[in-house]
Amino acid sequence: MATIDRQRRHDERWQHEVLDGLARMLAVLHDISDGLRQVTESVERLQPSAAPAPATEDRPRLLSVDDLAEVLGVSASTVRGIRASGNAPTATKVGGRLFFQPDDVDAWLAEQRENRGDTTKPWRQAFLPGRIGSGLPRSSEPEKRAWCTGSHTEPLAASKWTGRAVCRVCNDDVMVNRNGLLRKHYPRWW
């Protein structure tokens, strides 16, 4: 019975010490919060009263690539692809990031609206540089050259074979140098 009383007294003493410690911590936290409140009040007194920020209607809000993708209902990579094709709304570059103004986006969307009455051009904008499957129109009379003018230039697209790429001029599969440029080649259609 003596051991049980000793254990009970020990537990009560431990509980009182824990409660005292918590009470001291609470007092310190109250002191800190009072100090922070005083600091913020003094800072507010020192700062001149700033006019409230103008409403968002007065200032146009810039849309990031992710915001524009959300507005259009597509992925951010689709927006980047549209921009890479050259057919995108005018962008504003701030630092390394791209932003779009809502008015520019609205004007661009109005331009993209399809006109069903114009059926004379079913292949409108068939050639887009950098798009796989598009090709440059060939002239009816090829010039007499020793090699293709696409030699030693950047390729149009990757080929389905490793180490080869598609030439911008003749659309042939050509070997690629180590620096990424096309090797000197002779087009098949000459």
N, C-alpha and C. Protein backbone atom coordinates (compact mmCIF):
# COMPACT_ATOMS: atom_id res chain seq x y z
N MET A 1 0.81 -1.19 0.00
CA MET A 1 0.00 0.00 0.00
C MET A 1 0.86 1.26 0.00
N ALA A 2 2.01 1.18 0.62
CA ALA A 2 2.92 2.32 0.68
C ALA A 2 3.46 2.65 -0.69
N THR A 3 3.70 1.65 -1.51
CA THR A 3 4.22 1.91 -2.85
C THR A 3 3.17 2.58 -3.73
N ILE A 4 1.92 2.22 -3.52
CA ILE A 4 0.85 2.83 -4.30
C ILE A 4 0.70 4.29 -3.92
N ASP A 5 0.77 4.61 -2.60
CA ASP A 5 0.69 6.01 -2.17
C ASP A 5 1.87 6.81 -2.70
N ARG A 6 3.04 6.21 -2.66
CA ARG A 6 4.23 6.90 -3.16
C ARG A 6 4.09 7.18 -4.66
N GLN A 7 3.57 6.20 -5.41
CA GLN A 7 3.38 6.39 -6.86
C GLN A 7 2.34 7.47 -7.13
N ARG A 8 1.25 7.49 -6.35
CA ARG A 8 0.21 8.49 -6.53
C ARG A 8 0.74 9.88 -6.26
N ARG A 9 1.52 10.06 -5.16
CA ARG A 9 2.11 11.36 -4.85
C ARG A 9 3.07 11.80 -5.97
N HIS A 10 3.84 10.83 -6.49
CA HIS A 10 4.77 11.13 -7.58
C HIS A 10 4.01 11.61 -8.82
N ASP A 11 2.92 10.90 -9.13
CA ASP A 11 2.12 11.28 -10.30
C ASP A 11 1.48 12.66 -10.11
N GLU A 12 0.99 12.94 -8.91
CA GLU A 12 0.38 14.25 -8.65
C GLU A 12 1.42 15.35 -8.76
N ARG A 13 2.62 15.12 -8.22
CA ARG A 13 3.69 16.11 -8.30
C ARG A 13 4.06 16.35 -9.78
N TRP A 14 4.15 15.25 -10.54
CA TRP A 14 4.52 15.38 -11.97
C TRP A 14 3.43 16.17 -12.72
N GLN A 15 2.15 15.90 -12.45
CA GLN A 15 1.06 16.62 -13.10
C GLN A 15 1.09 18.09 -12.75
N HIS A 16 1.37 18.43 -11.47
CA HIS A 16 1.46 19.84 -11.07
C HIS A 16 2.62 20.53 -11.78
N GLU A 17 3.76 19.84 -11.94
CA GLU A 17 4.91 20.44 -12.62
C GLU A 17 4.58 20.69 -14.10
N VAL A 18 3.90 19.72 -14.71
CA VAL A 18 3.52 19.89 -16.11
C VAL A 18 2.55 21.06 -16.26
N LEU A 19 1.56 21.14 -15.40
CA LEU A 19 0.59 22.23 -15.47
C LEU A 19 1.25 23.59 -15.20
N ASP A 20 2.20 23.63 -14.25
CA ASP A 20 2.93 24.88 -14.01
C ASP A 20 3.74 25.29 -15.24
N GLY A 21 4.38 24.32 -15.86
CA GLY A 21 5.16 24.61 -17.08
C GLY A 21 4.28 25.13 -18.20
N LEU A 22 3.12 24.51 -18.38
CA LEU A 22 2.19 24.98 -19.40
C LEU A 22 1.68 26.38 -19.09
N ALA A 23 1.41 26.67 -17.83
CA ALA A 23 0.96 28.01 -17.44
C ALA A 23 2.03 29.05 -17.73
N ARG A 24 3.31 28.71 -17.45
CA ARG A 24 4.40 29.65 -17.75
C ARG A 24 4.53 29.87 -19.26
N MET A 25 4.39 28.76 -20.05
CA MET A 25 4.47 28.91 -21.51
C MET A 25 3.34 29.78 -22.04
N LEU A 26 2.15 29.62 -21.48
CA LEU A 26 1.01 30.42 -21.89
C LEU A 26 1.23 31.89 -21.56
N ALA A 27 1.83 32.17 -20.41
CA ALA A 27 2.12 33.56 -20.04
C ALA A 27 3.14 34.17 -21.01
N VAL A 28 4.15 33.39 -21.40
CA VAL A 28 5.15 33.88 -22.36
C VAL A 28 4.48 34.16 -23.71
N LEU A 29 3.61 33.27 -24.16
CA LEU A 29 2.92 33.48 -25.44
C LEU A 29 2.04 34.72 -25.39
N HIS A 30 1.37 34.95 -24.27
CA HIS A 30 0.56 36.17 -24.13
C HIS A 30 1.45 37.40 -24.19
N ASP A 31 2.62 37.35 -23.55
CA ASP A 31 3.55 38.49 -23.61
C ASP A 31 4.01 38.74 -25.04
N ILE A 32 4.30 37.67 -25.76
CA ILE A 32 4.75 37.82 -27.16
C ILE A 32 3.64 38.43 -28.00
N SER A 33 2.41 37.93 -27.85
CA SER A 33 1.31 38.46 -28.66
C SER A 33 1.04 39.93 -28.31
N ASP A 34 1.15 40.29 -27.02
CA ASP A 34 0.98 41.70 -26.66
C ASP A 34 2.08 42.55 -27.27
N GLY A 35 3.31 42.04 -27.28
CA GLY A 35 4.42 42.78 -27.89
C GLY A 35 4.23 42.96 -29.38
N LEU A 36 3.77 41.91 -30.07
CA LEU A 36 3.51 42.01 -31.52
C LEU A 36 2.41 43.01 -31.80
N ARG A 37 1.37 43.00 -30.99
CA ARG A 37 0.28 43.95 -31.18
C ARG A 37 0.78 45.38 -31.03
N GLN A 38 1.64 45.63 -30.04
CA GLN A 38 2.19 46.98 -29.84
C GLN A 38 3.07 47.39 -31.01
N VAL A 39 3.87 46.45 -31.53
CA VAL A 39 4.75 46.77 -32.66
C VAL A 39 3.92 47.12 -33.89
N THR A 40 2.89 46.33 -34.18
CA THR A 40 2.07 46.62 -35.35
C THR A 40 1.33 47.94 -35.21
N GLU A 41 0.87 48.26 -34.01
CA GLU A 41 0.20 49.54 -33.81
C GLU A 41 1.17 50.70 -34.01
N SER A 42 2.42 50.56 -33.55
CA SER A 42 3.39 51.64 -33.73
C SER A 42 3.79 51.78 -35.20
N VAL A 43 3.89 50.66 -35.91
CA VAL A 43 4.22 50.73 -37.34
C VAL A 43 3.09 51.38 -38.11
N GLU A 44 1.86 51.06 -37.76
CA GLU A 44 0.72 51.67 -38.43
C GLU A 44 0.65 53.17 -38.16
N ARG A 45 1.04 53.58 -36.96
CA ARG A 45 1.04 55.02 -36.63
C ARG A 45 2.13 55.74 -37.42
N LEU A 46 3.27 55.11 -37.66
CA LEU A 46 4.38 55.75 -38.37
C LEU A 46 4.13 55.84 -39.87
N GLN A 47 3.43 54.86 -40.45
CA GLN A 47 3.19 54.87 -41.89
C GLN A 47 2.08 55.85 -42.21
N PRO A 48 2.27 56.59 -43.32
CA PRO A 48 1.16 57.46 -43.74
C PRO A 48 0.00 56.59 -44.21
N SER A 49 -1.17 57.10 -44.02
CA SER A 49 -2.33 56.29 -44.40
C SER A 49 -2.34 56.13 -45.92
N ALA A 50 -2.24 54.90 -46.35
CA ALA A 50 -2.22 54.61 -47.78
C ALA A 50 -3.65 54.58 -48.30
N ALA A 51 -3.80 55.06 -49.52
CA ALA A 51 -5.12 55.02 -50.14
C ALA A 51 -5.44 53.56 -50.44
N PRO A 52 -6.68 53.20 -50.36
CA PRO A 52 -7.03 51.82 -50.67
C PRO A 52 -6.65 51.48 -52.11
N ALA A 53 -6.26 50.24 -52.33
CA ALA A 53 -5.86 49.81 -53.67
C ALA A 53 -7.05 49.95 -54.61
N PRO A 54 -6.77 50.40 -55.84
CA PRO A 54 -7.88 50.55 -56.79
C PRO A 54 -8.51 49.19 -57.08
N ALA A 55 -9.75 49.25 -57.47
CA ALA A 55 -10.47 48.01 -57.77
C ALA A 55 -9.83 47.31 -58.95
N THR A 56 -10.05 46.03 -59.06
CA THR A 56 -9.45 45.26 -60.15
C THR A 56 -9.98 45.70 -61.50
N GLU A 57 -11.14 46.37 -61.53
CA GLU A 57 -11.67 46.84 -62.80
C GLU A 57 -10.84 48.00 -63.35
N ASP A 58 -10.20 48.78 -62.47
CA ASP A 58 -9.40 49.92 -62.92
C ASP A 58 -8.07 49.46 -63.52
N ARG A 59 -7.47 48.43 -62.94
CA ARG A 59 -6.19 47.92 -63.43
C ARG A 59 -6.41 46.58 -64.11
N PRO A 60 -5.85 46.39 -65.33
CA PRO A 60 -6.00 45.07 -65.95
C PRO A 60 -5.12 44.05 -65.23
N ARG A 61 -5.65 42.90 -65.00
CA ARG A 61 -4.92 41.83 -64.34
C ARG A 61 -4.22 41.01 -65.42
N LEU A 62 -2.95 40.70 -65.20
CA LEU A 62 -2.20 39.90 -66.16
C LEU A 62 -2.46 38.42 -65.91
N LEU A 63 -2.54 37.67 -66.99
CA LEU A 63 -2.76 36.23 -66.91
C LEU A 63 -1.45 35.51 -67.16
N SER A 64 -1.07 34.59 -66.29
CA SER A 64 0.11 33.77 -66.52
C SER A 64 -0.25 32.68 -67.53
N VAL A 65 0.75 31.89 -67.92
CA VAL A 65 0.50 30.79 -68.86
C VAL A 65 -0.51 29.81 -68.25
N ASP A 66 -0.35 29.51 -66.97
CA ASP A 66 -1.28 28.59 -66.31
C ASP A 66 -2.69 29.19 -66.23
N ASP A 67 -2.79 30.50 -65.95
CA ASP A 67 -4.10 31.16 -65.91
C ASP A 67 -4.78 31.13 -67.28
N LEU A 68 -4.00 31.41 -68.33
CA LEU A 68 -4.56 31.39 -69.68
C LEU A 68 -5.01 29.98 -70.05
N ALA A 69 -4.22 28.99 -69.66
CA ALA A 69 -4.61 27.60 -69.93
C ALA A 69 -5.92 27.27 -69.24
N GLU A 70 -6.07 27.75 -68.02
CA GLU A 70 -7.31 27.50 -67.27
C GLU A 70 -8.49 28.21 -67.93
N VAL A 71 -8.27 29.44 -68.41
CA VAL A 71 -9.34 30.19 -69.07
C VAL A 71 -9.76 29.49 -70.36
N LEU A 72 -8.77 28.99 -71.13
CA LEU A 72 -9.06 28.34 -72.40
C LEU A 72 -9.54 26.90 -72.22
N GLY A 73 -9.27 26.32 -71.07
CA GLY A 73 -9.67 24.93 -70.83
C GLY A 73 -8.72 23.93 -71.45
N VAL A 74 -7.44 24.31 -71.58
CA VAL A 74 -6.42 23.42 -72.13
C VAL A 74 -5.27 23.34 -71.14
N SER A 75 -4.26 22.54 -71.47
CA SER A 75 -3.10 22.43 -70.58
C SER A 75 -2.12 23.56 -70.85
N ALA A 76 -1.20 23.78 -69.91
CA ALA A 76 -0.20 24.83 -70.07
C ALA A 76 0.74 24.51 -71.22
N SER A 77 1.02 23.22 -71.46
CA SER A 77 1.89 22.86 -72.58
C SER A 77 1.21 23.18 -73.92
N THR A 78 -0.10 23.10 -73.98
CA THR A 78 -0.82 23.48 -75.21
C THR A 78 -0.67 24.97 -75.46
N VAL A 79 -0.76 25.78 -74.42
CA VAL A 79 -0.59 27.23 -74.56
C VAL A 79 0.83 27.52 -75.06
N ARG A 80 1.83 26.83 -74.50
CA ARG A 80 3.21 27.03 -74.95
C ARG A 80 3.38 26.61 -76.41
N GLY A 81 2.71 25.53 -76.80
CA GLY A 81 2.77 25.09 -78.19
C GLY A 81 2.14 26.08 -79.14
N ILE A 82 1.00 26.66 -78.74
CA ILE A 82 0.34 27.68 -79.56
C ILE A 82 1.26 28.88 -79.71
N ARG A 83 1.93 29.25 -78.63
CA ARG A 83 2.85 30.39 -78.68
C ARG A 83 4.05 30.08 -79.56
N ALA A 84 4.56 28.84 -79.51
CA ALA A 84 5.70 28.45 -80.34
C ALA A 84 5.34 28.45 -81.81
N SER A 85 4.08 28.17 -82.14
CA SER A 85 3.66 28.16 -83.55
C SER A 85 3.52 29.57 -84.10
N GLY A 86 3.57 30.58 -83.23
CA GLY A 86 3.46 31.97 -83.68
C GLY A 86 2.03 32.46 -83.75
N ASN A 87 1.09 31.63 -83.36
CA ASN A 87 -0.33 32.00 -83.44
C ASN A 87 -0.88 32.07 -82.02
N ALA A 88 -0.49 33.09 -81.28
CA ALA A 88 -0.92 33.22 -79.89
C ALA A 88 -1.17 34.69 -79.59
N PRO A 89 -1.87 34.98 -78.50
CA PRO A 89 -2.06 36.39 -78.15
C PRO A 89 -0.73 37.05 -77.80
N THR A 90 -0.69 38.35 -77.90
CA THR A 90 0.52 39.09 -77.59
C THR A 90 0.87 38.89 -76.13
N ALA A 91 2.13 38.57 -75.87
CA ALA A 91 2.57 38.29 -74.51
C ALA A 91 3.42 39.43 -73.98
N THR A 92 3.39 39.60 -72.67
CA THR A 92 4.23 40.56 -71.98
C THR A 92 5.22 39.76 -71.16
N LYS A 93 6.50 40.01 -71.35
CA LYS A 93 7.51 39.26 -70.63
C LYS A 93 8.00 40.10 -69.44
N VAL A 94 7.87 39.55 -68.25
CA VAL A 94 8.34 40.20 -67.03
C VAL A 94 9.36 39.26 -66.41
N GLY A 95 10.61 39.68 -66.43
CA GLY A 95 11.66 38.78 -65.97
C GLY A 95 11.74 37.60 -66.91
N GLY A 96 11.64 36.41 -66.41
CA GLY A 96 11.65 35.23 -67.25
C GLY A 96 10.27 34.65 -67.47
N ARG A 97 9.22 35.33 -67.01
CA ARG A 97 7.87 34.78 -67.10
C ARG A 97 7.05 35.51 -68.16
N LEU A 98 6.09 34.80 -68.71
CA LEU A 98 5.19 35.36 -69.72
C LEU A 98 3.84 35.65 -69.09
N PHE A 99 3.28 36.80 -69.47
CA PHE A 99 1.95 37.16 -69.01
C PHE A 99 1.15 37.65 -70.20
N PHE A 100 -0.16 37.50 -70.14
CA PHE A 100 -1.06 37.92 -71.20
C PHE A 100 -2.09 38.86 -70.61
N GLN A 101 -2.39 39.93 -71.35
CA GLN A 101 -3.42 40.86 -70.90
C GLN A 101 -4.78 40.34 -71.37
N PRO A 102 -5.78 40.43 -70.52
CA PRO A 102 -7.10 39.89 -70.89
C PRO A 102 -7.67 40.49 -72.17
N ASP A 103 -7.42 41.79 -72.43
CA ASP A 103 -7.93 42.41 -73.66
C ASP A 103 -7.28 41.78 -74.89
N ASP A 104 -5.95 41.49 -74.81
CA ASP A 104 -5.26 40.84 -75.93
C ASP A 104 -5.79 39.44 -76.16
N VAL A 105 -6.08 38.73 -75.07
CA VAL A 105 -6.61 37.37 -75.18
C VAL A 105 -7.99 37.40 -75.84
N ASP A 106 -8.83 38.37 -75.44
CA ASP A 106 -10.16 38.47 -76.04
C ASP A 106 -10.07 38.78 -77.54
N ALA A 107 -9.15 39.69 -77.91
CA ALA A 107 -8.98 40.02 -79.33
C ALA A 107 -8.47 38.81 -80.11
N TRP A 108 -7.55 38.07 -79.52
CA TRP A 108 -7.00 36.87 -80.17
C TRP A 108 -8.09 35.82 -80.35
N LEU A 109 -8.92 35.63 -79.33
CA LEU A 109 -10.01 34.65 -79.44
C LEU A 109 -11.01 35.06 -80.52
N ALA A 110 -11.26 36.36 -80.67
CA ALA A 110 -12.16 36.83 -81.72
C ALA A 110 -11.57 36.52 -83.10
N GLU A 111 -10.23 36.63 -83.24
CA GLU A 111 -9.58 36.30 -84.51
C GLU A 111 -9.66 34.81 -84.81
N GLN A 112 -9.68 33.98 -83.76
CA GLN A 112 -9.69 32.53 -83.94
C GLN A 112 -11.07 31.99 -84.29
N ARG A 113 -12.08 32.82 -84.15
CA ARG A 113 -13.43 32.36 -84.43
C ARG A 113 -13.53 31.91 -85.88
N GLU A 114 -14.05 30.72 -86.08
CA GLU A 114 -14.12 30.13 -87.41
C GLU A 114 -15.30 30.71 -88.18
N ASN A 115 -15.04 31.07 -89.43
CA ASN A 115 -16.09 31.60 -90.29
C ASN A 115 -16.53 30.46 -91.21
N ARG A 116 -17.72 29.93 -90.98
CA ARG A 116 -18.21 28.80 -91.76
C ARG A 116 -18.58 29.19 -93.18
N GLY A 117 -18.79 30.47 -93.45
CA GLY A 117 -19.16 30.90 -94.79
C GLY A 117 -17.99 30.83 -95.76
N ASP A 118 -16.76 30.82 -95.29
CA ASP A 118 -15.58 30.81 -96.15
C ASP A 118 -15.12 29.37 -96.35
N THR A 119 -15.68 28.71 -97.38
CA THR A 119 -15.31 27.32 -97.65
C THR A 119 -14.34 27.20 -98.80
N THR A 120 -13.85 28.33 -99.32
CA THR A 120 -12.93 28.27 -100.46
C THR A 120 -11.52 27.87 -100.05
N LYS A 121 -11.17 27.98 -98.78
CA LYS A 121 -9.83 27.66 -98.32
C LYS A 121 -9.90 26.56 -97.26
N PRO A 122 -10.08 25.31 -97.65
CA PRO A 122 -10.18 24.28 -96.63
C PRO A 122 -8.86 24.02 -95.93
N TRP A 123 -7.73 24.34 -96.58
CA TRP A 123 -6.42 24.08 -95.97
C TRP A 123 -5.76 25.37 -95.56
N ARG A 124 -6.53 26.25 -94.95
CA ARG A 124 -5.99 27.53 -94.49
C ARG A 124 -4.87 27.30 -93.50
N GLN A 125 -3.77 27.98 -93.68
CA GLN A 125 -2.59 27.89 -92.82
C GLN A 125 -2.11 26.44 -92.69
N ALA A 126 -2.00 25.77 -93.85
CA ALA A 126 -1.56 24.38 -93.82
C ALA A 126 -0.10 24.27 -93.41
N PHE A 127 0.71 25.27 -93.73
CA PHE A 127 2.13 25.21 -93.39
C PHE A 127 2.40 26.01 -92.12
N LEU A 128 2.85 25.33 -91.09
CA LEU A 128 3.28 25.97 -89.86
C LEU A 128 4.71 25.54 -89.59
N PRO A 129 5.67 26.45 -89.57
CA PRO A 129 7.06 26.04 -89.36
C PRO A 129 7.21 25.31 -88.03
N GLY A 130 7.96 24.23 -88.06
CA GLY A 130 8.21 23.48 -86.86
C GLY A 130 7.16 22.42 -86.56
N ARG A 131 6.15 22.34 -87.40
CA ARG A 131 5.09 21.36 -87.17
C ARG A 131 5.39 20.12 -87.99
N ILE A 132 5.37 18.98 -87.35
CA ILE A 132 5.67 17.74 -88.05
C ILE A 132 4.58 17.48 -89.08
N GLY A 133 5.00 17.13 -90.30
CA GLY A 133 4.04 16.85 -91.36
C GLY A 133 3.80 18.04 -92.27
N SER A 134 4.26 19.23 -91.91
CA SER A 134 4.08 20.37 -92.80
C SER A 134 5.34 20.51 -93.65
N GLY A 135 5.20 21.02 -94.82
CA GLY A 135 6.36 21.15 -95.70
C GLY A 135 6.36 22.47 -96.42
N LEU A 136 7.52 22.91 -96.81
CA LEU A 136 7.63 24.13 -97.59
C LEU A 136 7.19 23.85 -99.01
N PRO A 137 6.45 24.74 -99.64
CA PRO A 137 6.09 24.51 -101.04
C PRO A 137 7.32 24.59 -101.92
N ARG A 138 7.43 23.65 -102.85
CA ARG A 138 8.57 23.63 -103.76
C ARG A 138 8.26 24.48 -104.98
N SER A 139 9.29 25.09 -105.52
CA SER A 139 9.09 25.83 -106.76
C SER A 139 9.03 24.81 -107.89
N SER A 140 8.41 25.17 -109.00
CA SER A 140 8.29 24.23 -110.11
C SER A 140 9.63 24.01 -110.80
N GLU A 141 10.53 24.97 -110.71
CA GLU A 141 11.84 24.87 -111.37
C GLU A 141 12.92 24.88 -110.29
N PRO A 142 13.47 23.74 -109.92
CA PRO A 142 14.52 23.74 -108.89
C PRO A 142 15.79 24.39 -109.40
N GLU A 143 16.46 25.10 -108.51
CA GLU A 143 17.72 25.74 -108.89
C GLU A 143 18.81 24.69 -109.00
N LYS A 144 19.79 24.96 -109.86
CA LYS A 144 20.90 24.03 -110.04
C LYS A 144 21.95 24.34 -108.98
N ARG A 145 22.02 23.49 -107.96
CA ARG A 145 22.98 23.68 -106.88
C ARG A 145 23.69 22.36 -106.65
N ALA A 146 24.84 22.46 -106.05
CA ALA A 146 25.59 21.25 -105.76
C ALA A 146 24.91 20.46 -104.64
N TRP A 147 24.34 21.16 -103.66
CA TRP A 147 23.65 20.47 -102.56
C TRP A 147 22.46 21.30 -102.12
N CYS A 148 21.66 20.73 -101.27
CA CYS A 148 20.43 21.36 -100.82
C CYS A 148 20.75 22.58 -99.95
N THR A 149 19.92 23.63 -100.06
CA THR A 149 20.14 24.82 -99.25
C THR A 149 19.81 24.59 -97.79
N GLY A 150 19.19 23.45 -97.49
CA GLY A 150 18.91 23.13 -96.10
C GLY A 150 20.10 22.51 -95.38
N SER A 151 21.21 22.27 -96.13
CA SER A 151 22.41 21.70 -95.50
C SER A 151 22.97 22.68 -94.49
N HIS A 152 23.49 22.18 -93.39
CA HIS A 152 24.13 22.96 -92.33
C HIS A 152 23.16 23.95 -91.69
N THR A 153 21.87 23.63 -91.66
CA THR A 153 20.88 24.45 -90.97
C THR A 153 20.18 23.60 -89.92
N GLU A 154 19.33 24.25 -89.12
CA GLU A 154 18.58 23.50 -88.13
C GLU A 154 17.49 22.69 -88.82
N PRO A 155 17.23 21.48 -88.33
CA PRO A 155 16.20 20.66 -88.96
C PRO A 155 14.79 21.16 -88.69
N LEU A 156 13.88 20.76 -89.53
CA LEU A 156 12.48 21.10 -89.37
C LEU A 156 11.86 20.30 -88.23
N ALA A 157 12.18 19.03 -88.17
CA ALA A 157 11.61 18.16 -87.15
C ALA A 157 12.49 16.93 -87.01
N ALA A 158 12.23 16.16 -85.98
CA ALA A 158 12.97 14.93 -85.78
C ALA A 158 12.45 13.86 -86.73
N SER A 159 13.33 12.98 -87.15
CA SER A 159 12.96 11.87 -88.00
C SER A 159 12.54 10.70 -87.13
N LYS A 160 11.95 9.69 -87.76
CA LYS A 160 11.60 8.51 -86.98
C LYS A 160 12.80 7.62 -86.76
N TRP A 161 13.94 7.91 -87.45
CA TRP A 161 15.17 7.15 -87.26
C TRP A 161 16.14 7.92 -86.39
N THR A 162 16.87 7.22 -85.55
CA THR A 162 17.84 7.83 -84.66
C THR A 162 18.98 8.44 -85.46
N GLY A 163 19.41 9.64 -85.08
CA GLY A 163 20.53 10.30 -85.74
C GLY A 163 20.17 11.00 -87.02
N ARG A 164 18.89 11.06 -87.34
CA ARG A 164 18.45 11.72 -88.57
C ARG A 164 17.38 12.74 -88.23
N ALA A 165 17.17 13.70 -89.15
CA ALA A 165 16.14 14.72 -88.97
C ALA A 165 15.59 15.10 -90.33
N VAL A 166 14.50 15.87 -90.34
CA VAL A 166 13.83 16.27 -91.57
C VAL A 166 14.37 17.63 -92.00
N CYS A 167 14.79 17.75 -93.26
CA CYS A 167 15.33 19.00 -93.81
C CYS A 167 14.19 19.99 -94.01
N ARG A 168 14.45 21.27 -93.73
CA ARG A 168 13.45 22.32 -93.90
C ARG A 168 13.12 22.58 -95.37
N VAL A 169 14.07 22.35 -96.26
CA VAL A 169 13.89 22.71 -97.66
C VAL A 169 13.31 21.56 -98.47
N CYS A 170 13.95 20.39 -98.37
CA CYS A 170 13.54 19.28 -99.25
C CYS A 170 12.73 18.20 -98.54
N ASN A 171 12.56 18.30 -97.23
CA ASN A 171 11.80 17.33 -96.43
C ASN A 171 12.36 15.92 -96.48
N ASP A 172 13.62 15.77 -96.82
CA ASP A 172 14.26 14.46 -96.80
C ASP A 172 14.75 14.15 -95.39
N ASP A 173 14.91 12.86 -95.10
CA ASP A 173 15.56 12.45 -93.85
C ASP A 173 17.06 12.55 -94.06
N VAL A 174 17.72 13.35 -93.20
CA VAL A 174 19.13 13.65 -93.38
C VAL A 174 19.86 13.34 -92.09
N MET A 175 21.12 12.92 -92.20
CA MET A 175 21.95 12.68 -91.03
C MET A 175 22.20 14.01 -90.32
N VAL A 176 22.36 13.95 -89.00
CA VAL A 176 22.57 15.14 -88.19
C VAL A 176 23.99 15.14 -87.64
N ASN A 177 24.66 16.31 -87.73
CA ASN A 177 26.00 16.44 -87.15
C ASN A 177 25.91 16.46 -85.63
N ARG A 178 27.06 16.41 -84.97
CA ARG A 178 27.08 16.43 -83.50
C ARG A 178 26.58 17.75 -82.94
N ASN A 179 26.72 18.83 -83.71
CA ASN A 179 26.25 20.13 -83.23
C ASN A 179 24.75 20.33 -83.45
N GLY A 180 24.05 19.31 -83.99
CA GLY A 180 22.61 19.39 -84.16
C GLY A 180 22.17 19.94 -85.50
N LEU A 181 23.11 20.35 -86.37
CA LEU A 181 22.75 20.87 -87.68
C LEU A 181 22.76 19.73 -88.70
N LEU A 182 22.03 19.93 -89.79
CA LEU A 182 21.95 18.91 -90.83
C LEU A 182 23.27 18.79 -91.58
N ARG A 183 23.60 17.57 -91.98
CA ARG A 183 24.79 17.37 -92.80
C ARG A 183 24.52 17.83 -94.22
N LYS A 184 25.59 17.98 -95.00
CA LYS A 184 25.46 18.36 -96.40
C LYS A 184 24.79 17.19 -97.14
N HIS A 185 23.74 17.50 -97.91
CA HIS A 185 23.00 16.44 -98.57
C HIS A 185 22.45 16.93 -99.91
N TYR A 186 22.07 15.95 -100.71
CA TYR A 186 21.49 16.21 -102.02
C TYR A 186 20.05 15.72 -101.99
N PRO A 187 19.08 16.57 -102.26
CA PRO A 187 17.70 16.13 -102.15
C PRO A 187 17.34 15.08 -103.22
N ARG A 188 16.40 14.24 -102.85
CA ARG A 188 16.00 13.15 -103.76
C ARG A 188 15.29 13.67 -105.00
N TRP A 189 14.58 14.77 -104.89
CA TRP A 189 13.75 15.22 -106.01
C TRP A 189 14.52 16.02 -107.04
N TRP A 190 15.86 16.18 -106.87
CA TRP A 190 16.65 16.87 -107.91
C TRP A 190 17.08 15.90 -108.93
